Amino acid sequence: MTHIKCKVMREGKEIVLNAEDLVVGDVLLLEAGDKVGADARLFEVHSLETSEGILTGESLPIIKDTKEKEKEI
């Protein structure tokens, strides 16, 4: 079985770990082509689009931004 690897900033150091080892407060460092191993809030974005077809069935990429999403009840 393969594990999704994540690059994170933890305690001021850049490290790579398995997505299952992410904890609240980890800052994900993403680059083009990376898989996202967790739900996350975006702090800084430069032309970010994601392919969510496997989750939503959408055929086109979704544009992402740093705006906080409203919680559903």
C-alpha atoms as a PDB file:
ATOM      1  CA  MET A   1       0.000   0.000   0.000  1.00  0.00           C
ATOM      2  CA  THR A   2       1.317   3.480  -0.806  1.00  0.00           C
ATOM      3  CA  HIS A   3       1.055   6.396   1.576  1.00  0.00           C
ATOM      4  CA  ILE A   4       0.503  10.010   0.596  1.00  0.00           C
ATOM      5  CA  LYS A   5       3.562  12.004   1.626  1.00  0.00           C
ATOM      6  CA  CYS A   6       3.196  15.588   2.827  1.00  0.00           C
ATOM      7  CA  LYS A   7       5.748  18.359   3.124  1.00  0.00           C
ATOM      8  CA  VAL A   8       5.030  20.418   6.239  1.00  0.00           C
ATOM      9  CA  MET A   9       6.508  23.213   8.286  1.00  0.00           C
ATOM     10  CA  ARG A  10       6.702  22.043  11.895  1.00  0.00           C
ATOM     11  CA  GLU A  11       8.566  23.924  14.626  1.00  0.00           C
ATOM     12  CA  GLY A  12      10.210  26.103  11.975  1.00  0.00           C
ATOM     13  CA  LYS A  13      11.622  23.133  10.037  1.00  0.00           C
ATOM     14  CA  GLU A  14      10.515  21.676   6.704  1.00  0.00           C
ATOM     15  CA  ILE A  15       9.888  17.927   7.011  1.00  0.00           C
ATOM     16  CA  VAL A  16       8.242  15.173   4.941  1.00  0.00           C
ATOM     17  CA  LEU A  17       5.853  12.744   6.612  1.00  0.00           C
ATOM     18  CA  ASN A  18       2.942  10.443   5.861  1.00  0.00           C
ATOM     19  CA  ALA A  19      -0.451  12.179   5.633  1.00  0.00           C
ATOM     20  CA  GLU A  20      -1.720   9.990   8.473  1.00  0.00           C
ATOM     21  CA  ASP A  21       0.876  11.642  10.756  1.00  0.00           C
ATOM     22  CA  LEU A  22      -0.442  15.186  10.184  1.00  0.00           C
ATOM     23  CA  VAL A  23      -1.652  16.997  13.292  1.00  0.00           C
ATOM     24  CA  VAL A  24      -3.669  20.156  13.890  1.00  0.00           C
ATOM     25  CA  GLY A  25      -1.366  23.127  13.422  1.00  0.00           C
ATOM     26  CA  ASP A  26       0.871  21.578  10.754  1.00  0.00           C
ATOM     27  CA  VAL A  27       1.396  23.934   7.815  1.00  0.00           C
ATOM     28  CA  LEU A  28       1.257  22.058   4.496  1.00  0.00           C
ATOM     29  CA  LEU A  29       3.718  23.185   1.820  1.00  0.00           C
ATOM     30  CA  LEU A  30       2.173  22.382  -1.563  1.00  0.00           C
ATOM     31  CA  GLU A  31       3.631  22.444  -5.079  1.00  0.00           C
ATOM     32  CA  ALA A  32       2.131  21.701  -8.480  1.00  0.00           C
ATOM     33  CA  GLY A  33       1.109  18.049  -8.750  1.00  0.00           C
ATOM     34  CA  ASP A  34       1.057  17.361  -4.989  1.00  0.00           C
ATOM     35  CA  LYS A  35      -1.735  15.299  -3.511  1.00  0.00           C
ATOM     36  CA  VAL A  36      -3.377  16.880  -0.470  1.00  0.00           C
ATOM     37  CA  GLY A  37      -3.527  14.410   2.382  1.00  0.00           C
ATOM     38  CA  ALA A  38      -5.905  16.309   4.653  1.00  0.00           C
ATOM     39  CA  ASP A  39      -8.535  19.007   4.905  1.00  0.00           C
ATOM     40  CA  ALA A  40      -6.762  22.322   5.125  1.00  0.00           C
ATOM     41  CA  ARG A  41      -7.283  26.062   5.254  1.00  0.00           C
ATOM     42  CA  LEU A  42      -5.352  28.076   2.687  1.00  0.00           C
ATOM     43  CA  PHE A  43      -3.227  30.992   3.887  1.00  0.00           C
ATOM     44  CA  GLU A  44      -1.521  31.953   0.630  1.00  0.00           C
ATOM     45  CA  VAL A  45      -2.502  30.964  -2.912  1.00  0.00           C
ATOM     46  CA  HIS A  46      -1.038  31.673  -6.347  1.00  0.00           C
ATOM     47  CA  SER A  47      -3.304  30.445  -9.203  1.00  0.00           C
ATOM     48  CA  LEU A  48      -4.445  27.303  -7.378  1.00  0.00           C
ATOM     49  CA  GLU A  49      -6.873  24.914  -9.028  1.00  0.00           C
ATOM     50  CA  THR A  50      -7.660  21.409  -7.828  1.00  0.00           C
ATOM     51  CA  SER A  51      -9.064  18.335  -9.495  1.00  0.00           C
ATOM     52  CA  GLU A  52     -11.851  17.077  -7.240  1.00  0.00           C
ATOM     53  CA  GLY A  53     -13.525  14.746  -9.711  1.00  0.00           C
ATOM     54  CA  ILE A  54     -12.912  11.688  -7.578  1.00  0.00           C
ATOM     55  CA  LEU A  55     -14.868  13.343  -4.730  1.00  0.00           C
ATOM     56  CA  THR A  56     -17.512  15.416  -6.511  1.00  0.00           C
ATOM     57  CA  GLY A  57     -17.772  14.057 -10.035  1.00  0.00           C
ATOM     58  CA  GLU A  58     -16.874  17.492 -11.458  1.00  0.00           C
ATOM     59  CA  SER A  59     -14.956  17.272 -14.707  1.00  0.00           C
ATOM     60  CA  LEU A  60     -13.316  20.711 -14.499  1.00  0.00           C
ATOM     61  CA  PRO A  61     -10.715  21.949 -11.987  1.00  0.00           C
ATOM     62  CA  ILE A  62     -11.982  24.008  -9.045  1.00  0.00           C
ATOM     63  CA  ILE A  63     -10.381  27.416  -8.377  1.00  0.00           C
ATOM     64  CA  LYS A  64      -9.274  27.762  -4.738  1.00  0.00           C
ATOM     65  CA  ASP A  65      -8.763  30.910  -2.680  1.00  0.00           C
ATOM     66  CA  THR A  66      -8.019  31.935   0.902  1.00  0.00           C
ATOM     67  CA  LYS A  67     -11.567  32.989   1.832  1.00  0.00           C
ATOM     68  CA  GLU A  68     -12.928  31.112   4.824  1.00  0.00           C
ATOM     69  CA  LYS A  69     -15.881  28.900   3.909  1.00  0.00           C
ATOM     70  CA  GLU A  70     -19.119  29.158   5.851  1.00  0.00           C
ATOM     71  CA  LYS A  71     -19.897  26.087   7.934  1.00  0.00           C
ATOM     72  CA  GLU A  72     -22.940  24.045   7.001  1.00  0.00           C
ATOM     73  CA  ILE A  73     -25.381  23.154   9.766  1.00  0.00           C
END
